[in-house]
Amino acid sequence: MHVPPVDATPIEGLASLGFPAYETADGSAVFQKDSFVLQVDASGLPEAMGPDGISRNALAYQLSTTILACWVEHH
């Protein structure tokens, strides 16, 4: 099991897509699915980006959910 850092905030409810998940204040979203961990680290990006001023955390979450939507376990 992946152990989150001390500053992690759980992603709960529907937002977690039913997986153990958390985000960090510096812009990472982490999901555990099957026996794997997906970490999208946007901490190197500006705090707000694009014409809508999307936050690093929102971008990391959006990318994570897009990847999880097409995640298929290969045997």
PDB file of N, CA and C in Angstrom:
ATOM      1  N   MET A   1       0.834  -1.184   0.000  1.00  0.00           N
ATOM      2  CA  MET A   1       0.000   0.000   0.000  1.00  0.00           C
ATOM      3  C   MET A   1       0.877   1.245   0.000  1.00  0.00           C
ATOM      4  N   HIS A   2       0.479   2.223  -0.781  1.00  0.00           N
ATOM      5  CA  HIS A   2       1.195   3.491  -0.887  1.00  0.00           C
ATOM      6  C   HIS A   2       0.895   4.335   0.346  1.00  0.00           C
ATOM      7  N   VAL A   3       1.924   4.901   0.957  1.00  0.00           N
ATOM      8  CA  VAL A   3       1.759   5.743   2.150  1.00  0.00           C
ATOM      9  C   VAL A   3       1.845   7.200   1.727  1.00  0.00           C
ATOM     10  N   PRO A   4       0.772   7.981   1.962  1.00  0.00           N
ATOM     11  CA  PRO A   4       0.793   9.385   1.567  1.00  0.00           C
ATOM     12  C   PRO A   4       1.708  10.221   2.456  1.00  0.00           C
ATOM     13  N   PRO A   5       2.215  11.344   1.928  1.00  0.00           N
ATOM     14  CA  PRO A   5       3.031  12.235   2.751  1.00  0.00           C
ATOM     15  C   PRO A   5       2.173  12.888   3.843  1.00  0.00           C
ATOM     16  N   VAL A   6       2.828  13.456   4.817  1.00  0.00           N
ATOM     17  CA  VAL A   6       2.142  14.056   5.957  1.00  0.00           C
ATOM     18  C   VAL A   6       1.194  15.173   5.535  1.00  0.00           C
ATOM     19  N   ASP A   7       1.556  15.958   4.521  1.00  0.00           N
ATOM     20  CA  ASP A   7       0.736  17.099   4.112  1.00  0.00           C
ATOM     21  C   ASP A   7      -0.376  16.731   3.125  1.00  0.00           C
ATOM     22  N   ALA A   8      -0.637  15.455   2.935  1.00  0.00           N
ATOM     23  CA  ALA A   8      -1.641  15.011   1.962  1.00  0.00           C
ATOM     24  C   ALA A   8      -3.056  15.213   2.489  1.00  0.00           C
ATOM     25  N   THR A   9      -3.952  15.539   1.554  1.00  0.00           N
ATOM     26  CA  THR A   9      -5.369  15.678   1.857  1.00  0.00           C
ATOM     27  C   THR A   9      -6.112  14.590   1.082  1.00  0.00           C
ATOM     28  N   PRO A  10      -6.903  13.765   1.768  1.00  0.00           N
ATOM     29  CA  PRO A  10      -7.632  12.712   1.050  1.00  0.00           C
ATOM     30  C   PRO A  10      -8.595  13.297   0.013  1.00  0.00           C
ATOM     31  N   ILE A  11      -8.706  12.615  -1.117  1.00  0.00           N
ATOM     32  CA  ILE A  11      -9.739  12.923  -2.108  1.00  0.00           C
ATOM     33  C   ILE A  11     -10.847  11.925  -1.813  1.00  0.00           C
ATOM     34  N   GLU A  12     -12.010  12.414  -1.447  1.00  0.00           N
ATOM     35  CA  GLU A  12     -13.069  11.534  -0.953  1.00  0.00           C
ATOM     36  C   GLU A  12     -14.326  11.632  -1.806  1.00  0.00           C
ATOM     37  N   GLY A  13     -15.236  10.708  -1.543  1.00  0.00           N
ATOM     38  CA  GLY A  13     -16.522  10.714  -2.216  1.00  0.00           C
ATOM     39  C   GLY A  13     -16.388  10.391  -3.692  1.00  0.00           C
ATOM     40  N   LEU A  14     -17.287  10.929  -4.492  1.00  0.00           N
ATOM     41  CA  LEU A  14     -17.274  10.675  -5.932  1.00  0.00           C
ATOM     42  C   LEU A  14     -15.990  11.139  -6.594  1.00  0.00           C
ATOM     43  N   ALA A  15     -15.374  12.158  -6.042  1.00  0.00           N
ATOM     44  CA  ALA A  15     -14.146  12.693  -6.628  1.00  0.00           C
ATOM     45  C   ALA A  15     -13.011  11.677  -6.624  1.00  0.00           C
ATOM     46  N   SER A  16     -13.055  10.704  -5.706  1.00  0.00           N
ATOM     47  CA  SER A  16     -11.985   9.698  -5.649  1.00  0.00           C
ATOM     48  C   SER A  16     -12.202   8.569  -6.646  1.00  0.00           C
ATOM     49  N   LEU A  17     -13.342   8.568  -7.325  1.00  0.00           N
ATOM     50  CA  LEU A  17     -13.698   7.536  -8.303  1.00  0.00           C
ATOM     51  C   LEU A  17     -13.727   6.138  -7.682  1.00  0.00           C
ATOM     52  N   GLY A  18     -13.859   6.080  -6.368  1.00  0.00           N
ATOM     53  CA  GLY A  18     -13.899   4.794  -5.677  1.00  0.00           C
ATOM     54  C   GLY A  18     -12.532   4.210  -5.356  1.00  0.00           C
ATOM     55  N   PHE A  19     -11.472   4.967  -5.566  1.00  0.00           N
ATOM     56  CA  PHE A  19     -10.108   4.495  -5.302  1.00  0.00           C
ATOM     57  C   PHE A  19      -9.527   5.251  -4.107  1.00  0.00           C
ATOM     58  N   PRO A  20      -8.565   4.639  -3.409  1.00  0.00           N
ATOM     59  CA  PRO A  20      -7.822   5.417  -2.428  1.00  0.00           C
ATOM     60  C   PRO A  20      -7.086   6.536  -3.173  1.00  0.00           C
ATOM     61  N   ALA A  21      -7.220   7.770  -2.699  1.00  0.00           N
ATOM     62  CA  ALA A  21      -6.627   8.900  -3.422  1.00  0.00           C
ATOM     63  C   ALA A  21      -6.341  10.050  -2.465  1.00  0.00           C
ATOM     64  N   TYR A  22      -5.357  10.871  -2.836  1.00  0.00           N
ATOM     65  CA  TYR A  22      -5.062  12.083  -2.079  1.00  0.00           C
ATOM     66  C   TYR A  22      -4.418  13.104  -3.001  1.00  0.00           C
ATOM     67  N   GLU A  23      -4.359  14.346  -2.507  1.00  0.00           N
ATOM     68  CA  GLU A  23      -3.651  15.402  -3.209  1.00  0.00           C
ATOM     69  C   GLU A  23      -2.751  16.114  -2.222  1.00  0.00           C
ATOM     70  N   THR A  24      -1.714  16.752  -2.740  1.00  0.00           N
ATOM     71  CA  THR A  24      -0.802  17.514  -1.900  1.00  0.00           C
ATOM     72  C   THR A  24      -0.957  18.999  -2.212  1.00  0.00           C
ATOM     73  N   ALA A  25      -0.569  19.833  -1.282  1.00  0.00           N
ATOM     74  CA  ALA A  25      -0.716  21.282  -1.448  1.00  0.00           C
ATOM     75  C   ALA A  25       0.125  21.832  -2.593  1.00  0.00           C
ATOM     76  N   ASP A  26       1.197  21.137  -2.957  1.00  0.00           N
ATOM     77  CA  ASP A  26       2.081  21.660  -4.003  1.00  0.00           C
ATOM     78  C   ASP A  26       1.684  21.230  -5.416  1.00  0.00           C
ATOM     79  N   GLY A  27       0.577  20.493  -5.575  1.00  0.00           N
ATOM     80  CA  GLY A  27       0.078  20.206  -6.907  1.00  0.00           C
ATOM     81  C   GLY A  27       0.200  18.780  -7.398  1.00  0.00           C
ATOM     82  N   SER A  28       0.142  17.795  -6.515  1.00  0.00           N
ATOM     83  CA  SER A  28       0.158  16.393  -6.937  1.00  0.00           C
ATOM     84  C   SER A  28      -1.182  15.742  -6.634  1.00  0.00           C
ATOM     85  N   ALA A  29      -1.601  14.864  -7.509  1.00  0.00           N
ATOM     86  CA  ALA A  29      -2.776  14.022  -7.277  1.00  0.00           C
ATOM     87  C   ALA A  29      -2.298  12.581  -7.393  1.00  0.00           C
ATOM     88  N   VAL A  30      -2.709  11.751  -6.435  1.00  0.00           N
ATOM     89  CA  VAL A  30      -2.250  10.366  -6.380  1.00  0.00           C
ATOM     90  C   VAL A  30      -3.453   9.455  -6.196  1.00  0.00           C
ATOM     91  N   PHE A  31      -3.556   8.452  -7.056  1.00  0.00           N
ATOM     92  CA  PHE A  31      -4.626   7.455  -6.983  1.00  0.00           C
ATOM     93  C   PHE A  31      -4.007   6.067  -6.958  1.00  0.00           C
ATOM     94  N   GLN A  32      -4.610   5.158  -6.193  1.00  0.00           N
ATOM     95  CA  GLN A  32      -4.178   3.765  -6.196  1.00  0.00           C
ATOM     96  C   GLN A  32      -5.264   2.945  -6.886  1.00  0.00           C
ATOM     97  N   LYS A  33      -4.876   2.195  -7.910  1.00  0.00           N
ATOM     98  CA  LYS A  33      -5.809   1.341  -8.642  1.00  0.00           C
ATOM     99  C   LYS A  33      -5.116   0.021  -8.925  1.00  0.00           C
ATOM    100  N   ASP A  34      -5.856  -1.056  -8.726  1.00  0.00           N
ATOM    101  CA  ASP A  34      -5.290  -2.394  -8.863  1.00  0.00           C
ATOM    102  C   ASP A  34      -4.068  -2.460  -7.943  1.00  0.00           C
ATOM    103  N   SER A  35      -2.946  -2.892  -8.422  1.00  0.00           N
ATOM    104  CA  SER A  35      -1.743  -2.931  -7.586  1.00  0.00           C
ATOM    105  C   SER A  35      -0.766  -1.822  -7.991  1.00  0.00           C
ATOM    106  N   PHE A  36      -1.283  -0.768  -8.581  1.00  0.00           N
ATOM    107  CA  PHE A  36      -0.445   0.322  -9.085  1.00  0.00           C
ATOM    108  C   PHE A  36      -0.822   1.646  -8.444  1.00  0.00           C
ATOM    109  N   VAL A  37       0.095   2.594  -8.512  1.00  0.00           N
ATOM    110  CA  VAL A  37      -0.140   3.947  -8.022  1.00  0.00           C
ATOM    111  C   VAL A  37       0.097   4.910  -9.178  1.00  0.00           C
ATOM    112  N   LEU A  38      -0.870   5.791  -9.405  1.00  0.00           N
ATOM    113  CA  LEU A  38      -0.749   6.834 -10.420  1.00  0.00           C
ATOM    114  C   LEU A  38      -0.510   8.149  -9.688  1.00  0.00           C
ATOM    115  N   GLN A  39       0.613   8.795  -9.989  1.00  0.00           N
ATOM    116  CA  GLN A  39       0.906  10.105  -9.418  1.00  0.00           C
ATOM    117  C   GLN A  39       1.100  11.094 -10.550  1.00  0.00           C
ATOM    118  N   VAL A  40       0.288  12.147 -10.537  1.00  0.00           N
ATOM    119  CA  VAL A  40       0.457  13.246 -11.483  1.00  0.00           C
ATOM    120  C   VAL A  40       0.987  14.420 -10.672  1.00  0.00           C
ATOM    121  N   ASP A  41       2.211  14.817 -10.973  1.00  0.00           N
ATOM    122  CA  ASP A  41       2.909  15.854 -10.220  1.00  0.00           C
ATOM    123  C   ASP A  41       2.978  17.130 -11.054  1.00  0.00           C
ATOM    124  N   ALA A  42       2.195  18.117 -10.675  1.00  0.00           N
ATOM    125  CA  ALA A  42       2.178  19.402 -11.373  1.00  0.00           C
ATOM    126  C   ALA A  42       2.887  20.481 -10.558  1.00  0.00           C
ATOM    127  N   SER A  43       3.678  20.071  -9.575  1.00  0.00           N
ATOM    128  CA  SER A  43       4.305  21.029  -8.656  1.00  0.00           C
ATOM    129  C   SER A  43       5.286  21.984  -9.341  1.00  0.00           C
ATOM    130  N   GLY A  44       5.812  21.625 -10.491  1.00  0.00           N
ATOM    131  CA  GLY A  44       6.741  22.490 -11.198  1.00  0.00           C
ATOM    132  C   GLY A  44       6.074  23.547 -12.053  1.00  0.00           C
ATOM    133  N   LEU A  45       4.754  23.526 -12.109  1.00  0.00           N
ATOM    134  CA  LEU A  45       4.013  24.495 -12.930  1.00  0.00           C
ATOM    135  C   LEU A  45       3.637  25.721 -12.097  1.00  0.00           C
ATOM    136  N   PRO A  46       3.266  26.822 -12.764  1.00  0.00           N
ATOM    137  CA  PRO A  46       2.797  28.003 -12.020  1.00  0.00           C
ATOM    138  C   PRO A  46       1.544  27.657 -11.203  1.00  0.00           C
ATOM    139  N   GLU A  47       1.271  28.441 -10.168  1.00  0.00           N
ATOM    140  CA  GLU A  47       0.113  28.175  -9.315  1.00  0.00           C
ATOM    141  C   GLU A  47      -1.202  28.250 -10.082  1.00  0.00           C
ATOM    142  N   ALA A  48      -1.279  29.104 -11.083  1.00  0.00           N
ATOM    143  CA  ALA A  48      -2.479  29.225 -11.920  1.00  0.00           C
ATOM    144  C   ALA A  48      -2.025  29.323 -13.376  1.00  0.00           C
ATOM    145  N   MET A  49      -2.780  28.637 -14.271  1.00  0.00           N
ATOM    146  CA  MET A  49      -2.391  28.596 -15.683  1.00  0.00           C
ATOM    147  C   MET A  49      -3.577  28.827 -16.598  1.00  0.00           C
ATOM    148  N   GLY A  50      -3.262  29.260 -17.797  1.00  0.00           N
ATOM    149  CA  GLY A  50      -4.249  29.376 -18.849  1.00  0.00           C
ATOM    150  C   GLY A  50      -5.217  30.520 -18.644  1.00  0.00           C
ATOM    151  N   PRO A  51      -6.098  30.716 -19.628  1.00  0.00           N
ATOM    152  CA  PRO A  51      -7.027  31.842 -19.574  1.00  0.00           C
ATOM    153  C   PRO A  51      -8.039  31.731 -18.431  1.00  0.00           C
ATOM    154  N   ASP A  52      -8.276  30.504 -17.947  1.00  0.00           N
ATOM    155  CA  ASP A  52      -9.229  30.325 -16.850  1.00  0.00           C
ATOM    156  C   ASP A  52      -8.552  30.257 -15.490  1.00  0.00           C
ATOM    157  N   GLY A  53      -7.220  30.344 -15.459  1.00  0.00           N
ATOM    158  CA  GLY A  53      -6.479  30.333 -14.203  1.00  0.00           C
ATOM    159  C   GLY A  53      -6.609  29.034 -13.424  1.00  0.00           C
ATOM    160  N   ILE A  54      -6.568  27.894 -14.133  1.00  0.00           N
ATOM    161  CA  ILE A  54      -6.695  26.595 -13.480  1.00  0.00           C
ATOM    162  C   ILE A  54      -5.512  26.372 -12.536  1.00  0.00           C
ATOM    163  N   SER A  55      -5.785  25.835 -11.368  1.00  0.00           N
ATOM    164  CA  SER A  55      -4.723  25.611 -10.384  1.00  0.00           C
ATOM    165  C   SER A  55      -3.933  24.348 -10.721  1.00  0.00           C
ATOM    166  N   ARG A  56      -2.735  24.243 -10.146  1.00  0.00           N
ATOM    167  CA  ARG A  56      -1.924  23.032 -10.316  1.00  0.00           C
ATOM    168  C   ARG A  56      -2.692  21.811  -9.842  1.00  0.00           C
ATOM    169  N   ASN A  57      -3.351  21.919  -8.696  1.00  0.00           N
ATOM    170  CA  ASN A  57      -4.091  20.776  -8.154  1.00  0.00           C
ATOM    171  C   ASN A  57      -5.227  20.367  -9.081  1.00  0.00           C
ATOM    172  N   ALA A  58      -5.945  21.328  -9.625  1.00  0.00           N
ATOM    173  CA  ALA A  58      -7.041  21.009 -10.528  1.00  0.00           C
ATOM    174  C   ALA A  58      -6.520  20.332 -11.791  1.00  0.00           C
ATOM    175  N   LEU A  59      -5.405  20.806 -12.309  1.00  0.00           N
ATOM    176  CA  LEU A  59      -4.815  20.190 -13.499  1.00  0.00           C
ATOM    177  C   LEU A  59      -4.372  18.762 -13.203  1.00  0.00           C
ATOM    178  N   ALA A  60      -3.690  18.555 -12.068  1.00  0.00           N
ATOM    179  CA  ALA A  60      -3.241  17.213 -11.692  1.00  0.00           C
ATOM    180  C   ALA A  60      -4.437  16.270 -11.541  1.00  0.00           C
ATOM    181  N   TYR A  61      -5.505  16.759 -10.933  1.00  0.00           N
ATOM    182  CA  TYR A  61      -6.712  15.940 -10.765  1.00  0.00           C
ATOM    183  C   TYR A  61      -7.337  15.616 -12.124  1.00  0.00           C
ATOM    184  N   GLN A  62      -7.476  16.606 -12.988  1.00  0.00           N
ATOM    185  CA  GLN A  62      -8.080  16.378 -14.309  1.00  0.00           C
ATOM    186  C   GLN A  62      -7.274  15.377 -15.125  1.00  0.00           C
ATOM    187  N   LEU A  63      -5.954  15.510 -15.120  1.00  0.00           N
ATOM    188  CA  LEU A  63      -5.119  14.558 -15.855  1.00  0.00           C
ATOM    189  C   LEU A  63      -5.237  13.153 -15.264  1.00  0.00           C
ATOM    190  N   SER A  64      -5.272  13.058 -13.932  1.00  0.00           N
ATOM    191  CA  SER A  64      -5.410  11.755 -13.276  1.00  0.00           C
ATOM    192  C   SER A  64      -6.713  11.068 -13.668  1.00  0.00           C
ATOM    193  N   THR A  65      -7.815  11.793 -13.615  1.00  0.00           N
ATOM    194  CA  THR A  65      -9.100  11.173 -13.929  1.00  0.00           C
ATOM    195  C   THR A  65      -9.188  10.794 -15.407  1.00  0.00           C
ATOM    196  N   THR A  66      -8.558  11.562 -16.279  1.00  0.00           N
ATOM    197  CA  THR A  66      -8.524  11.201 -17.698  1.00  0.00           C
ATOM    198  C   THR A  66      -7.756   9.898 -17.897  1.00  0.00           C
ATOM    199  N   ILE A  67      -6.621   9.771 -17.251  1.00  0.00           N
ATOM    200  CA  ILE A  67      -5.826   8.543 -17.356  1.00  0.00           C
ATOM    201  C   ILE A  67      -6.590   7.360 -16.766  1.00  0.00           C
ATOM    202  N   LEU A  68      -7.196   7.546 -15.597  1.00  0.00           N
ATOM    203  CA  LEU A  68      -7.934   6.457 -14.953  1.00  0.00           C
ATOM    204  C   LEU A  68      -9.129   6.003 -15.783  1.00  0.00           C
ATOM    205  N   ALA A  69      -9.718   6.916 -16.543  1.00  0.00           N
ATOM    206  CA  ALA A  69     -10.881   6.569 -17.364  1.00  0.00           C
ATOM    207  C   ALA A  69     -10.541   5.551 -18.449  1.00  0.00           C
ATOM    208  N   CYS A  70      -9.292   5.520 -18.879  1.00  0.00           N
ATOM    209  CA  CYS A  70      -8.905   4.574 -19.937  1.00  0.00           C
ATOM    210  C   CYS A  70      -7.879   3.554 -19.447  1.00  0.00           C
ATOM    211  N   TRP A  71      -7.688   3.455 -18.146  1.00  0.00           N
ATOM    212  CA  TRP A  71      -6.734   2.536 -17.532  1.00  0.00           C
ATOM    213  C   TRP A  71      -7.234   1.112 -17.681  1.00  0.00           C
ATOM    214  N   VAL A  72      -6.463   0.272 -18.312  1.00  0.00           N
ATOM    215  CA  VAL A  72      -6.793  -1.135 -18.475  1.00  0.00           C
ATOM    216  C   VAL A  72      -5.608  -1.949 -17.963  1.00  0.00           C
ATOM    217  N   GLU A  73      -5.882  -2.883 -17.060  1.00  0.00           N
ATOM    218  CA  GLU A  73      -4.808  -3.725 -16.533  1.00  0.00           C
ATOM    219  C   GLU A  73      -4.449  -4.766 -17.582  1.00  0.00           C
ATOM    220  N   HIS A  74      -3.160  -4.895 -17.881  1.00  0.00           N
ATOM    221  CA  HIS A  74      -2.680  -5.874 -18.841  1.00  0.00           C
ATOM    222  C   HIS A  74      -2.080  -7.047 -18.093  1.00  0.00           C
ATOM    223  N   HIS A  75      -2.330  -8.238 -18.591  1.00  0.00           N
ATOM    224  CA  HIS A  75      -1.812  -9.444 -17.922  1.00  0.00           C
ATOM    225  C   HIS A  75      -0.641 -10.003 -18.686  1.00  0.00           C
TER     226      HIS A  75
END
